[in-house]
Amino acid sequence: MTNNTESGLLVWGPEDYVIPPQGEAVLFVVTNFLETPNQKLGHCAESRKVLNGHCRGDDDCEEGEMVAAGNGIMSGRCLRKDDNLTSTCEIYGWCPIERHFKPK
């Protein structure tokens, strides 16, 4: 995450900060990609598949903390569902979160 006056709050993904670099004198050919239409930086619910993003109340979603193995930074709000099994923290990140499917 970076936050400065020029670009504001940005969330970086692993593709942006691969350390160490992929290598020297290496050719990388993209053979597949995942697309999430209309994705933009904003606030949305964390994926229910991310266990550390589950919550029962706002206290479970510490504002400014990253969700371990998740998709963004917690806003401090728990987006509650009736059953509490699918309640997740609201995050700031790339929304809607990436869809997980096996491309053909």
PDB file of N, CA and C in Angstrom:
ATOM      1  N   MET A   1       0.846  -1.178   0.000  1.00  0.00           N
ATOM      2  CA  MET A   1       0.000   0.000   0.000  1.00  0.00           C
ATOM      3  C   MET A   1       0.886   1.235   0.000  1.00  0.00           C
ATOM      4  N   THR A   2       0.536   2.200  -0.820  1.00  0.00           N
ATOM      5  CA  THR A   2       1.197   3.497  -0.780  1.00  0.00           C
ATOM      6  C   THR A   2       0.122   4.568  -0.657  1.00  0.00           C
ATOM      7  N   ASN A   3       0.485   5.680  -0.046  1.00  0.00           N
ATOM      8  CA  ASN A   3      -0.441   6.787   0.105  1.00  0.00           C
ATOM      9  C   ASN A   3       0.359   8.074   0.059  1.00  0.00           C
ATOM     10  N   ASN A   4       0.244   8.806  -1.059  1.00  0.00           N
ATOM     11  CA  ASN A   4       0.969  10.078  -1.166  1.00  0.00           C
ATOM     12  C   ASN A   4       0.073  11.120  -1.821  1.00  0.00           C
ATOM     13  N   THR A   5       0.529  12.373  -1.845  1.00  0.00           N
ATOM     14  CA  THR A   5      -0.305  13.449  -2.358  1.00  0.00           C
ATOM     15  C   THR A   5      -0.475  13.390  -3.871  1.00  0.00           C
ATOM     16  N   GLU A   6       0.467  12.806  -4.585  1.00  0.00           N
ATOM     17  CA  GLU A   6       0.363  12.721  -6.046  1.00  0.00           C
ATOM     18  C   GLU A   6      -0.678  11.719  -6.505  1.00  0.00           C
ATOM     19  N   SER A   7      -0.594  10.480  -6.002  1.00  0.00           N
ATOM     20  CA  SER A   7      -1.476   9.426  -6.501  1.00  0.00           C
ATOM     21  C   SER A   7      -2.521   8.982  -5.493  1.00  0.00           C
ATOM     22  N   GLY A   8      -2.443   9.441  -4.256  1.00  0.00           N
ATOM     23  CA  GLY A   8      -3.413   9.039  -3.244  1.00  0.00           C
ATOM     24  C   GLY A   8      -3.158   7.627  -2.750  1.00  0.00           C
ATOM     25  N   LEU A   9      -4.198   6.989  -2.235  1.00  0.00           N
ATOM     26  CA  LEU A   9      -4.102   5.650  -1.672  1.00  0.00           C
ATOM     27  C   LEU A   9      -4.152   4.616  -2.793  1.00  0.00           C
ATOM     28  N   LEU A  10      -3.119   3.777  -2.890  1.00  0.00           N
ATOM     29  CA  LEU A  10      -3.057   2.722  -3.899  1.00  0.00           C
ATOM     30  C   LEU A  10      -2.722   1.398  -3.238  1.00  0.00           C
ATOM     31  N   VAL A  11      -3.363   0.342  -3.710  1.00  0.00           N
ATOM     32  CA  VAL A  11      -3.052  -1.008  -3.261  1.00  0.00           C
ATOM     33  C   VAL A  11      -2.309  -1.694  -4.403  1.00  0.00           C
ATOM     34  N   TRP A  12      -1.160  -2.275  -4.094  1.00  0.00           N
ATOM     35  CA  TRP A  12      -0.340  -2.931  -5.101  1.00  0.00           C
ATOM     36  C   TRP A  12      -0.499  -4.434  -4.968  1.00  0.00           C
ATOM     37  N   GLY A  13      -0.571  -5.124  -6.087  1.00  0.00           N
ATOM     38  CA  GLY A  13      -0.655  -6.570  -6.101  1.00  0.00           C
ATOM     39  C   GLY A  13       0.720  -7.182  -6.312  1.00  0.00           C
ATOM     40  N   PRO A  14       0.850  -8.496  -6.120  1.00  0.00           N
ATOM     41  CA  PRO A  14       2.151  -9.149  -6.258  1.00  0.00           C
ATOM     42  C   PRO A  14       2.763  -8.968  -7.644  1.00  0.00           C
ATOM     43  N   GLU A  15       1.921  -8.793  -8.652  1.00  0.00           N
ATOM     44  CA  GLU A  15       2.459  -8.580  -9.996  1.00  0.00           C
ATOM     45  C   GLU A  15       3.168  -7.232 -10.124  1.00  0.00           C
ATOM     46  N   ASP A  16       2.905  -6.314  -9.192  1.00  0.00           N
ATOM     47  CA  ASP A  16       3.527  -4.996  -9.210  1.00  0.00           C
ATOM     48  C   ASP A  16       4.856  -4.950  -8.479  1.00  0.00           C
ATOM     49  N   TYR A  17       5.095  -5.881  -7.566  1.00  0.00           N
ATOM     50  CA  TYR A  17       6.287  -5.767  -6.731  1.00  0.00           C
ATOM     51  C   TYR A  17       7.016  -7.092  -6.555  1.00  0.00           C
ATOM     52  N   VAL A  18       7.158  -7.841  -7.618  1.00  0.00           N
ATOM     53  CA  VAL A  18       7.851  -9.122  -7.537  1.00  0.00           C
ATOM     54  C   VAL A  18       9.307  -8.881  -7.135  1.00  0.00           C
ATOM     55  N   ILE A  19       9.684  -9.427  -5.981  1.00  0.00           N
ATOM     56  CA  ILE A  19      11.042  -9.306  -5.463  1.00  0.00           C
ATOM     57  C   ILE A  19      11.479 -10.693  -5.028  1.00  0.00           C
ATOM     58  N   PRO A  20      12.543 -11.243  -5.512  1.00  0.00           N
ATOM     59  CA  PRO A  20      13.450 -10.681  -6.518  1.00  0.00           C
ATOM     60  C   PRO A  20      12.798 -10.705  -7.892  1.00  0.00           C
ATOM     61  N   PRO A  21      13.357  -9.958  -8.846  1.00  0.00           N
ATOM     62  CA  PRO A  21      12.798  -9.963 -10.195  1.00  0.00           C
ATOM     63  C   PRO A  21      12.789 -11.371 -10.774  1.00  0.00           C
ATOM     64  N   GLN A  22      12.005 -11.570 -11.796  1.00  0.00           N
ATOM     65  CA  GLN A  22      11.868 -12.886 -12.412  1.00  0.00           C
ATOM     66  C   GLN A  22      13.199 -13.454 -12.877  1.00  0.00           C
ATOM     67  N   GLY A  23      14.150 -12.619 -13.194  1.00  0.00           N
ATOM     68  CA  GLY A  23      15.465 -13.091 -13.635  1.00  0.00           C
ATOM     69  C   GLY A  23      16.039 -12.162 -14.672  1.00  0.00           C
ATOM     70  N   GLU A  24      17.256 -12.415 -15.041  1.00  0.00           N
ATOM     71  CA  GLU A  24      17.910 -11.606 -16.071  1.00  0.00           C
ATOM     72  C   GLU A  24      17.974 -12.412 -17.348  1.00  0.00           C
ATOM     73  N   ALA A  25      17.841 -11.736 -18.479  1.00  0.00           N
ATOM     74  CA  ALA A  25      17.872 -12.370 -19.787  1.00  0.00           C
ATOM     75  C   ALA A  25      16.818 -13.482 -19.869  1.00  0.00           C
ATOM     76  N   VAL A  26      15.615 -13.197 -19.346  1.00  0.00           N
ATOM     77  CA  VAL A  26      14.535 -14.176 -19.330  1.00  0.00           C
ATOM     78  C   VAL A  26      13.413 -13.670 -20.221  1.00  0.00           C
ATOM     79  N   LEU A  27      12.843 -14.555 -21.013  1.00  0.00           N
ATOM     80  CA  LEU A  27      11.689 -14.229 -21.831  1.00  0.00           C
ATOM     81  C   LEU A  27      10.451 -14.787 -21.148  1.00  0.00           C
ATOM     82  N   PHE A  28       9.477 -13.927 -20.907  1.00  0.00           N
ATOM     83  CA  PHE A  28       8.239 -14.351 -20.271  1.00  0.00           C
ATOM     84  C   PHE A  28       7.110 -14.182 -21.275  1.00  0.00           C
ATOM     85  N   VAL A  29       6.402 -15.248 -21.581  1.00  0.00           N
ATOM     86  CA  VAL A  29       5.297 -15.214 -22.531  1.00  0.00           C
ATOM     87  C   VAL A  29       3.994 -15.428 -21.765  1.00  0.00           C
ATOM     88  N   VAL A  30       3.104 -14.453 -21.827  1.00  0.00           N
ATOM     89  CA  VAL A  30       1.810 -14.565 -21.165  1.00  0.00           C
ATOM     90  C   VAL A  30       0.953 -15.522 -21.976  1.00  0.00           C
ATOM     91  N   THR A  31       0.500 -16.586 -21.344  1.00  0.00           N
ATOM     92  CA  THR A  31      -0.315 -17.575 -22.030  1.00  0.00           C
ATOM     93  C   THR A  31      -1.750 -17.577 -21.535  1.00  0.00           C
ATOM     94  N   ASN A  32      -2.019 -16.823 -20.486  1.00  0.00           N
ATOM     95  CA  ASN A  32      -3.349 -16.806 -19.914  1.00  0.00           C
ATOM     96  C   ASN A  32      -3.491 -15.569 -19.043  1.00  0.00           C
ATOM     97  N   PHE A  33      -4.692 -15.085 -18.851  1.00  0.00           N
ATOM     98  CA  PHE A  33      -4.924 -13.991 -17.917  1.00  0.00           C
ATOM     99  C   PHE A  33      -6.349 -14.076 -17.402  1.00  0.00           C
ATOM    100  N   LEU A  34      -6.579 -13.496 -16.241  1.00  0.00           N
ATOM    101  CA  LEU A  34      -7.915 -13.419 -15.658  1.00  0.00           C
ATOM    102  C   LEU A  34      -8.383 -11.981 -15.764  1.00  0.00           C
ATOM    103  N   GLU A  35      -9.627 -11.792 -16.143  1.00  0.00           N
ATOM    104  CA  GLU A  35     -10.172 -10.457 -16.264  1.00  0.00           C
ATOM    105  C   GLU A  35     -11.340 -10.295 -15.305  1.00  0.00           C
ATOM    106  N   THR A  36     -11.370  -9.186 -14.602  1.00  0.00           N
ATOM    107  CA  THR A  36     -12.511  -8.846 -13.758  1.00  0.00           C
ATOM    108  C   THR A  36     -13.059  -7.527 -14.291  1.00  0.00           C
ATOM    109  N   PRO A  37     -14.113  -7.597 -15.120  1.00  0.00           N
ATOM    110  CA  PRO A  37     -14.642  -6.380 -15.747  1.00  0.00           C
ATOM    111  C   PRO A  37     -15.036  -5.325 -14.735  1.00  0.00           C
ATOM    112  N   ASN A  38     -14.826  -4.067 -15.115  1.00  0.00           N
ATOM    113  CA  ASN A  38     -15.216  -2.892 -14.322  1.00  0.00           C
ATOM    114  C   ASN A  38     -14.535  -2.837 -12.962  1.00  0.00           C
ATOM    115  N   GLN A  39     -13.373  -3.445 -12.828  1.00  0.00           N
ATOM    116  CA  GLN A  39     -12.663  -3.429 -11.557  1.00  0.00           C
ATOM    117  C   GLN A  39     -11.986  -2.077 -11.377  1.00  0.00           C
ATOM    118  N   LYS A  40     -12.113  -1.506 -10.181  1.00  0.00           N
ATOM    119  CA  LYS A  40     -11.465  -0.238  -9.864  1.00  0.00           C
ATOM    120  C   LYS A  40     -11.179  -0.189  -8.372  1.00  0.00           C
ATOM    121  N   LEU A  41     -10.316   0.712  -7.957  1.00  0.00           N
ATOM    122  CA  LEU A  41     -10.025   0.853  -6.533  1.00  0.00           C
ATOM    123  C   LEU A  41     -11.247   1.406  -5.818  1.00  0.00           C
ATOM    124  N   GLY A  42     -11.590   0.777  -4.711  1.00  0.00           N
ATOM    125  CA  GLY A  42     -12.736   1.225  -3.946  1.00  0.00           C
ATOM    126  C   GLY A  42     -12.979   0.328  -2.746  1.00  0.00           C
ATOM    127  N   HIS A  43     -14.149   0.449  -2.152  1.00  0.00           N
ATOM    128  CA  HIS A  43     -14.538  -0.347  -0.988  1.00  0.00           C
ATOM    129  C   HIS A  43     -15.525  -1.430  -1.416  1.00  0.00           C
ATOM    130  N   CYS A  44     -15.302  -2.647  -0.922  1.00  0.00           N
ATOM    131  CA  CYS A  44     -16.208  -3.758  -1.198  1.00  0.00           C
ATOM    132  C   CYS A  44     -15.975  -4.854  -0.157  1.00  0.00           C
ATOM    133  N   ALA A  45     -16.796  -5.887  -0.209  1.00  0.00           N
ATOM    134  CA  ALA A  45     -16.680  -7.001   0.729  1.00  0.00           C
ATOM    135  C   ALA A  45     -15.507  -7.898   0.353  1.00  0.00           C
ATOM    136  N   GLU A  46     -14.779  -8.363   1.364  1.00  0.00           N
ATOM    137  CA  GLU A  46     -13.720  -9.351   1.141  1.00  0.00           C
ATOM    138  C   GLU A  46     -14.376 -10.656   0.712  1.00  0.00           C
ATOM    139  N   SER A  47     -13.638 -11.471   0.005  1.00  0.00           N
ATOM    140  CA  SER A  47     -14.142 -12.774  -0.431  1.00  0.00           C
ATOM    141  C   SER A  47     -14.458 -13.649   0.773  1.00  0.00           C
ATOM    142  N   ARG A  48     -15.549 -14.406   0.679  1.00  0.00           N
ATOM    143  CA  ARG A  48     -15.896 -15.347   1.746  1.00  0.00           C
ATOM    144  C   ARG A  48     -14.884 -16.486   1.829  1.00  0.00           C
ATOM    145  N   LYS A  49     -14.104 -16.699   0.768  1.00  0.00           N
ATOM    146  CA  LYS A  49     -13.109 -17.768   0.751  1.00  0.00           C
ATOM    147  C   LYS A  49     -11.865 -17.399   1.560  1.00  0.00           C
ATOM    148  N   VAL A  50     -11.702 -16.117   1.907  1.00  0.00           N
ATOM    149  CA  VAL A  50     -10.553 -15.642   2.683  1.00  0.00           C
ATOM    150  C   VAL A  50     -10.913 -15.717   4.161  1.00  0.00           C
ATOM    151  N   LEU A  51     -10.365 -16.723   4.850  1.00  0.00           N
ATOM    152  CA  LEU A  51     -10.757 -16.966   6.248  1.00  0.00           C
ATOM    153  C   LEU A  51     -10.471 -15.786   7.157  1.00  0.00           C
ATOM    154  N   ASN A  52      -9.356 -15.091   6.973  1.00  0.00           N
ATOM    155  CA  ASN A  52      -9.021 -13.959   7.844  1.00  0.00           C
ATOM    156  C   ASN A  52      -9.877 -12.728   7.558  1.00  0.00           C
ATOM    157  N   GLY A  53     -10.749 -12.815   6.568  1.00  0.00           N
ATOM    158  CA  GLY A  53     -11.653 -11.714   6.256  1.00  0.00           C
ATOM    159  C   GLY A  53     -13.030 -11.885   6.857  1.00  0.00           C
ATOM    160  N   HIS A  54     -13.277 -13.014   7.553  1.00  0.00           N
ATOM    161  CA  HIS A  54     -14.582 -13.244   8.188  1.00  0.00           C
ATOM    162  C   HIS A  54     -14.701 -12.400   9.453  1.00  0.00           C
ATOM    163  N   CYS A  55     -15.925 -12.038   9.812  1.00  0.00           N
ATOM    164  CA  CYS A  55     -16.126 -11.205  10.997  1.00  0.00           C
ATOM    165  C   CYS A  55     -17.487 -11.453  11.611  1.00  0.00           C
ATOM    166  N   ARG A  56     -17.607 -11.076  12.881  1.00  0.00           N
ATOM    167  CA  ARG A  56     -18.893 -11.096  13.586  1.00  0.00           C
ATOM    168  C   ARG A  56     -19.328  -9.677  13.927  1.00  0.00           C
ATOM    169  N   GLY A  57     -18.368  -8.757  13.921  1.00  0.00           N
ATOM    170  CA  GLY A  57     -18.650  -7.359  14.216  1.00  0.00           C
ATOM    171  C   GLY A  57     -17.491  -6.491  13.770  1.00  0.00           C
ATOM    172  N   ASP A  58     -17.669  -5.164  13.862  1.00  0.00           N
ATOM    173  CA  ASP A  58     -16.641  -4.227  13.416  1.00  0.00           C
ATOM    174  C   ASP A  58     -15.300  -4.413  14.125  1.00  0.00           C
ATOM    175  N   ASP A  59     -15.322  -4.911  15.362  1.00  0.00           N
ATOM    176  CA  ASP A  59     -14.074  -5.114  16.112  1.00  0.00           C
ATOM    177  C   ASP A  59     -13.161  -6.152  15.455  1.00  0.00           C
ATOM    178  N   ASP A  60     -13.731  -7.033  14.638  1.00  0.00           N
ATOM    179  CA  ASP A  60     -12.942  -8.058  13.957  1.00  0.00           C
ATOM    180  C   ASP A  60     -12.241  -7.526  12.711  1.00  0.00           C
ATOM    181  N   CYS A  61     -12.527  -6.296  12.325  1.00  0.00           N
ATOM    182  CA  CYS A  61     -12.001  -5.713  11.082  1.00  0.00           C
ATOM    183  C   CYS A  61     -11.186  -4.461  11.411  1.00  0.00           C
ATOM    184  N   GLU A  62      -9.964  -4.651  11.877  1.00  0.00           N
ATOM    185  CA  GLU A  62      -9.147  -3.527  12.340  1.00  0.00           C
ATOM    186  C   GLU A  62      -8.781  -2.605  11.180  1.00  0.00           C
ATOM    187  N   GLU A  63      -9.242  -1.368  11.266  1.00  0.00           N
ATOM    188  CA  GLU A  63      -9.031  -0.391  10.198  1.00  0.00           C
ATOM    189  C   GLU A  63      -7.549  -0.229   9.868  1.00  0.00           C
ATOM    190  N   GLY A  64      -7.235  -0.274   8.577  1.00  0.00           N
ATOM    191  CA  GLY A  64      -5.867  -0.064   8.119  1.00  0.00           C
ATOM    192  C   GLY A  64      -5.022  -1.321   8.052  1.00  0.00           C
ATOM    193  N   GLU A  65      -5.532  -2.438   8.569  1.00  0.00           N
ATOM    194  CA  GLU A  65      -4.777  -3.693   8.549  1.00  0.00           C
ATOM    195  C   GLU A  65      -5.070  -4.458   7.259  1.00  0.00           C
ATOM    196  N   MET A  66      -4.030  -5.118   6.747  1.00  0.00           N
ATOM    197  CA  MET A  66      -4.194  -5.971   5.579  1.00  0.00           C
ATOM    198  C   MET A  66      -4.887  -7.265   6.001  1.00  0.00           C
ATOM    199  N   VAL A  67      -5.702  -7.808   5.117  1.00  0.00           N
ATOM    200  CA  VAL A  67      -6.301  -9.120   5.349  1.00  0.00           C
ATOM    201  C   VAL A  67      -5.275 -10.150   4.892  1.00  0.00           C
ATOM    202  N   ALA A  68      -4.834 -11.019   5.799  1.00  0.00           N
ATOM    203  CA  ALA A  68      -3.837 -12.033   5.451  1.00  0.00           C
ATOM    204  C   ALA A  68      -4.378 -12.902   4.322  1.00  0.00           C
ATOM    205  N   ALA A  69      -3.595 -13.028   3.249  1.00  0.00           N
ATOM    206  CA  ALA A  69      -3.972 -13.798   2.050  1.00  0.00           C
ATOM    207  C   ALA A  69      -5.259 -13.257   1.432  1.00  0.00           C
ATOM    208  N   GLY A  70      -5.539 -11.978   1.671  1.00  0.00           N
ATOM    209  CA  GLY A  70      -6.770 -11.388   1.160  1.00  0.00           C
ATOM    210  C   GLY A  70      -6.533 -10.452  -0.003  1.00  0.00           C
ATOM    211  N   ASN A  71      -7.481  -9.544  -0.199  1.00  0.00           N
ATOM    212  CA  ASN A  71      -7.491  -8.701  -1.387  1.00  0.00           C
ATOM    213  C   ASN A  71      -7.370  -7.209  -1.115  1.00  0.00           C
ATOM    214  N   GLY A  72      -7.152  -6.816   0.146  1.00  0.00           N
ATOM    215  CA  GLY A  72      -7.045  -5.389   0.404  1.00  0.00           C
ATOM    216  C   GLY A  72      -6.853  -5.046   1.867  1.00  0.00           C
ATOM    217  N   ILE A  73      -7.147  -3.792   2.184  1.00  0.00           N
ATOM    218  CA  ILE A  73      -6.955  -3.221   3.509  1.00  0.00           C
ATOM    219  C   ILE A  73      -8.317  -3.079   4.175  1.00  0.00           C
ATOM    220  N   MET A  74      -8.431  -3.530   5.418  1.00  0.00           N
ATOM    221  CA  MET A  74      -9.711  -3.447   6.126  1.00  0.00           C
ATOM    222  C   MET A  74     -10.096  -2.007   6.424  1.00  0.00           C
ATOM    223  N   SER A  75     -11.380  -1.708   6.253  1.00  0.00           N
ATOM    224  CA  SER A  75     -11.891  -0.352   6.492  1.00  0.00           C
ATOM    225  C   SER A  75     -12.361  -0.164   7.930  1.00  0.00           C
ATOM    226  N   GLY A  76     -12.500  -1.257   8.681  1.00  0.00           N
ATOM    227  CA  GLY A  76     -13.024  -1.160  10.038  1.00  0.00           C
ATOM    228  C   GLY A  76     -14.493  -1.540  10.135  1.00  0.00           C
ATOM    229  N   ARG A  77     -15.113  -1.871   8.996  1.00  0.00           N
ATOM    230  CA  ARG A  77     -16.534  -2.239   8.979  1.00  0.00           C
ATOM    231  C   ARG A  77     -16.710  -3.717   8.679  1.00  0.00           C
ATOM    232  N   CYS A  78     -17.609  -4.353   9.410  1.00  0.00           N
ATOM    233  CA  CYS A  78     -18.008  -5.726   9.140  1.00  0.00           C
ATOM    234  C   CYS A  78     -19.312  -5.660   8.355  1.00  0.00           C
ATOM    235  N   LEU A  79     -19.317  -6.257   7.177  1.00  0.00           N
ATOM    236  CA  LEU A  79     -20.524  -6.289   6.356  1.00  0.00           C
ATOM    237  C   LEU A  79     -21.296  -7.540   6.745  1.00  0.00           C
ATOM    238  N   ARG A  80     -22.226  -7.352   7.658  1.00  0.00           N
ATOM    239  CA  ARG A  80     -22.909  -8.484   8.307  1.00  0.00           C
ATOM    240  C   ARG A  80     -23.965  -9.106   7.416  1.00  0.00           C
ATOM    241  N   LYS A  81     -24.013 -10.419   7.494  1.00  0.00           N
ATOM    242  CA  LYS A  81     -25.053 -11.213   6.849  1.00  0.00           C
ATOM    243  C   LYS A  81     -25.881 -11.840   7.956  1.00  0.00           C
ATOM    244  N   ASP A  82     -27.077 -12.260   7.634  1.00  0.00           N
ATOM    245  CA  ASP A  82     -27.982 -12.823   8.636  1.00  0.00           C
ATOM    246  C   ASP A  82     -27.411 -14.041   9.345  1.00  0.00           C
ATOM    247  N   ASP A  83     -26.643 -14.873   8.620  1.00  0.00           N
ATOM    248  CA  ASP A  83     -26.175 -16.123   9.211  1.00  0.00           C
ATOM    249  C   ASP A  83     -24.828 -16.004   9.931  1.00  0.00           C
ATOM    250  N   ASN A  84     -24.142 -14.863   9.837  1.00  0.00           N
ATOM    251  CA  ASN A  84     -22.829 -14.628  10.451  1.00  0.00           C
ATOM    252  C   ASN A  84     -21.730 -15.542   9.894  1.00  0.00           C
ATOM    253  N   LEU A  85     -22.093 -16.551   9.110  1.00  0.00           N
ATOM    254  CA  LEU A  85     -21.078 -17.432   8.528  1.00  0.00           C
ATOM    255  C   LEU A  85     -20.480 -16.817   7.279  1.00  0.00           C
ATOM    256  N   THR A  86     -21.219 -15.902   6.654  1.00  0.00           N
ATOM    257  CA  THR A  86     -20.730 -15.288   5.429  1.00  0.00           C
ATOM    258  C   THR A  86     -20.423 -13.805   5.605  1.00  0.00           C
ATOM    259  N   SER A  87     -20.422 -13.314   6.842  1.00  0.00           N
ATOM    260  CA  SER A  87     -20.076 -11.916   7.094  1.00  0.00           C
ATOM    261  C   SER A  87     -18.593 -11.722   6.864  1.00  0.00           C
ATOM    262  N   THR A  88     -18.251 -10.683   6.109  1.00  0.00           N
ATOM    263  CA  THR A  88     -16.845 -10.406   5.823  1.00  0.00           C
ATOM    264  C   THR A  88     -16.538  -8.940   6.084  1.00  0.00           C
ATOM    265  N   CYS A  89     -15.252  -8.668   6.281  1.00  0.00           N
ATOM    266  CA  CYS A  89     -14.811  -7.299   6.473  1.00  0.00           C
ATOM    267  C   CYS A  89     -14.895  -6.538   5.154  1.00  0.00           C
ATOM    268  N   GLU A  90     -15.218  -5.272   5.245  1.00  0.00           N
ATOM    269  CA  GLU A  90     -15.131  -4.410   4.079  1.00  0.00           C
ATOM    270  C   GLU A  90     -13.662  -4.093   3.873  1.00  0.00           C
ATOM    271  N   ILE A  91     -13.227  -4.099   2.616  1.00  0.00           N
ATOM    272  CA  ILE A  91     -11.834  -3.786   2.298  1.00  0.00           C
ATOM    273  C   ILE A  91     -11.758  -2.615   1.339  1.00  0.00           C
ATOM    274  N   TYR A  92     -10.587  -1.991   1.304  1.00  0.00           N
ATOM    275  CA  TYR A  92     -10.258  -1.043   0.250  1.00  0.00           C
ATOM    276  C   TYR A  92      -9.261  -1.763  -0.635  1.00  0.00           C
ATOM    277  N   GLY A  93      -9.602  -1.933  -1.880  1.00  0.00           N
ATOM    278  CA  GLY A  93      -8.735  -2.650  -2.810  1.00  0.00           C
ATOM    279  C   GLY A  93      -9.353  -2.634  -4.185  1.00  0.00           C
ATOM    280  N   TRP A  94      -8.956  -3.582  -5.026  1.00  0.00           N
ATOM    281  CA  TRP A  94      -9.514  -3.689  -6.371  1.00  0.00           C
ATOM    282  C   TRP A  94     -10.872  -4.367  -6.269  1.00  0.00           C
ATOM    283  N   CYS A  95     -11.929  -3.604  -6.591  1.00  0.00           N
ATOM    284  CA  CYS A  95     -13.300  -4.071  -6.455  1.00  0.00           C
ATOM    285  C   CYS A  95     -14.019  -4.024  -7.792  1.00  0.00           C
ATOM    286  N   PRO A  96     -14.867  -4.988  -8.105  1.00  0.00           N
ATOM    287  CA  PRO A  96     -15.093  -6.181  -7.314  1.00  0.00           C
ATOM    288  C   PRO A  96     -13.840  -7.045  -7.277  1.00  0.00           C
ATOM    289  N   ILE A  97     -13.733  -7.876  -6.241  1.00  0.00           N
ATOM    290  CA  ILE A  97     -12.545  -8.708  -6.112  1.00  0.00           C
ATOM    291  C   ILE A  97     -12.474  -9.670  -7.287  1.00  0.00           C
ATOM    292  N   GLU A  98     -11.274 -10.165  -7.539  1.00  0.00           N
ATOM    293  CA  GLU A  98     -11.047 -11.037  -8.694  1.00  0.00           C
ATOM    294  C   GLU A  98     -11.894 -12.298  -8.612  1.00  0.00           C
ATOM    295  N   ARG A  99     -12.495 -12.633  -9.724  1.00  0.00           N
ATOM    296  CA  ARG A  99     -13.271 -13.869  -9.800  1.00  0.00           C
ATOM    297  C   ARG A  99     -12.309 -15.031  -9.935  1.00  0.00           C
ATOM    298  N   HIS A 100     -12.600 -16.135  -9.275  1.00  0.00           N
ATOM    299  CA  HIS A 100     -11.747 -17.300  -9.342  1.00  0.00           C
ATOM    300  C   HIS A 100     -12.430 -18.372 -10.189  1.00  0.00           C
ATOM    301  N   PHE A 101     -11.834 -18.659 -11.307  1.00  0.00           N
ATOM    302  CA  PHE A 101     -12.345 -19.725 -12.161  1.00  0.00           C
ATOM    303  C   PHE A 101     -11.176 -20.267 -12.982  1.00  0.00           C
ATOM    304  N   LYS A 102     -11.376 -21.432 -13.541  1.00  0.00           N
ATOM    305  CA  LYS A 102     -10.325 -22.036 -14.371  1.00  0.00           C
ATOM    306  C   LYS A 102     -10.601 -21.655 -15.821  1.00  0.00           C
ATOM    307  N   PRO A 103      -9.726 -20.823 -16.400  1.00  0.00           N
ATOM    308  CA  PRO A 103      -9.946 -20.431 -17.797  1.00  0.00           C
ATOM    309  C   PRO A 103      -9.718 -21.634 -18.727  1.00  0.00           C
ATOM    310  N   LYS A 104     -10.352 -21.564 -19.891  1.00  0.00           N
ATOM    311  CA  LYS A 104     -10.199 -22.638 -20.872  1.00  0.00           C
ATOM    312  C   LYS A 104      -8.869 -22.495 -21.603  1.00  0.00           C
TER     313      LYS A 104
END
